[in-house]
Amino acid sequence: MCLDENRFVLFTIESPNPGYRPEASSGIGFQWDEIERITRDGKKILVNGNLLLKESSPEAAFRLAEFLREIWKAEKSQRRSLIAS
C-alpha cells in the first residue's frame, strides 16, 4: 500500500517488480477526498461499501481500518506526518 497526503493505492504481491511502484492509476486506490466511509466487517476492509482488501485477522483489519480513518479525517497538511509515524 502506498499512502500520501492526496491518496492511497493498493498493490498486489503479484507485482512483476516489487521495487517499482506504478502511478496511482494502475492500482486499486482512492483519493482521500473521494472517501465517504471506511468500515470493517471481520477481516474485510471496505471503502465506500466496496471491498478494499481482506486482512489476515479481524484484529489486523481493525488496526488498519483505524489507521486509514485517522489519515482520512486529518487535514491534508497533517497527513504526511501521520503516515510517517
Protein backbone atom coordinates (compact mmCIF):
# COMPACT_ATOMS: atom_id res chain seq x y z
CA MET A 1 0.00 0.00 0.00
CA CYS A 2 1.29 3.45 -0.91
CA LEU A 3 -0.02 6.43 1.02
CA ASP A 4 0.45 10.14 0.59
CA GLU A 5 -1.46 13.27 1.56
CA ASN A 6 -3.70 13.03 -1.53
CA ARG A 7 -4.47 9.34 -1.98
CA PHE A 8 -3.72 5.74 -1.18
CA VAL A 9 -3.09 2.93 -3.64
CA LEU A 10 -3.12 -0.79 -3.00
CA PHE A 11 -0.77 -3.05 -4.95
CA THR A 12 -0.85 -6.83 -5.10
CA ILE A 13 2.08 -9.08 -4.28
CA GLU A 14 1.92 -10.32 -7.87
CA SER A 15 3.57 -7.08 -8.97
CA PRO A 16 6.23 -8.08 -11.53
CA ASN A 17 8.79 -5.76 -9.98
CA PRO A 18 8.23 -5.21 -6.25
CA GLY A 19 10.79 -2.41 -6.17
CA TYR A 20 8.86 -0.33 -8.68
CA ARG A 21 5.53 1.30 -7.86
CA PRO A 22 3.47 2.44 -10.85
CA GLU A 23 1.40 5.61 -10.89
CA ALA A 24 -1.76 5.67 -8.78
CA SER A 25 -4.00 4.97 -11.75
CA SER A 26 -2.56 1.46 -12.15
CA GLY A 27 -3.52 0.24 -8.67
CA ILE A 28 -6.70 -0.01 -6.66
CA GLY A 29 -6.93 3.24 -4.80
CA PHE A 30 -8.83 6.29 -3.72
CA GLN A 31 -8.27 9.98 -3.40
CA TRP A 32 -8.81 10.83 0.28
CA ASP A 33 -11.45 13.42 -0.66
CA GLU A 34 -13.46 10.77 -2.60
CA ILE A 35 -13.96 8.64 0.51
CA GLU A 36 -17.30 8.76 2.29
CA ARG A 37 -16.64 5.97 4.80
CA ILE A 38 -14.09 3.35 5.80
CA THR A 39 -15.57 0.34 7.56
CA ARG A 40 -14.60 -3.16 8.61
CA ASP A 41 -16.50 -6.44 8.50
CA GLY A 42 -14.47 -9.16 10.18
CA LYS A 43 -11.27 -9.42 8.15
CA LYS A 44 -12.60 -7.20 5.34
CA ILE A 45 -11.88 -3.50 4.96
CA LEU A 46 -14.45 -1.63 2.92
CA VAL A 47 -14.18 1.84 1.40
CA ASN A 48 -17.49 3.43 0.44
CA GLY A 49 -19.05 -0.03 0.85
CA ASN A 50 -16.66 -1.68 -1.65
CA LEU A 51 -14.16 -4.33 -0.64
CA LEU A 52 -10.65 -2.91 -0.49
CA LEU A 53 -8.86 -5.91 0.99
CA LYS A 54 -9.03 -8.85 3.37
CA GLU A 55 -6.60 -8.83 6.27
CA SER A 56 -5.14 -11.88 7.98
CA SER A 57 -7.32 -11.44 11.08
CA PRO A 58 -10.17 -9.27 12.37
CA GLU A 59 -7.69 -7.56 14.72
CA ALA A 60 -5.35 -6.66 11.85
CA ALA A 61 -8.34 -5.34 9.86
CA PHE A 62 -9.42 -3.26 12.86
CA ARG A 63 -5.96 -1.70 13.24
CA LEU A 64 -5.58 -0.92 9.53
CA ALA A 65 -9.11 0.50 9.24
CA GLU A 66 -8.46 2.74 12.26
CA PHE A 67 -5.18 3.93 10.74
CA LEU A 68 -6.82 4.69 7.38
CA ARG A 69 -9.70 6.52 9.10
CA GLU A 70 -7.25 8.62 11.11
CA ILE A 71 -5.43 9.71 7.96
CA TRP A 72 -8.68 10.27 6.04
CA LYS A 73 -10.14 12.52 8.76
CA ALA A 74 -6.95 14.54 9.19
CA GLU A 75 -6.32 17.82 7.48
CA LYS A 76 -4.31 17.41 4.28
CA SER A 77 -1.39 19.28 5.85
CA GLN A 78 -1.24 16.75 8.73
CA ARG A 79 -1.46 13.54 6.67
CA ARG A 80 2.22 13.27 5.73
CA SER A 81 3.33 13.29 9.38
CA LEU A 82 0.64 10.73 10.33
CA ILE A 83 1.76 8.42 7.53
CA ALA A 84 5.41 8.74 8.58
CA SER A 85 4.66 7.85 12.22
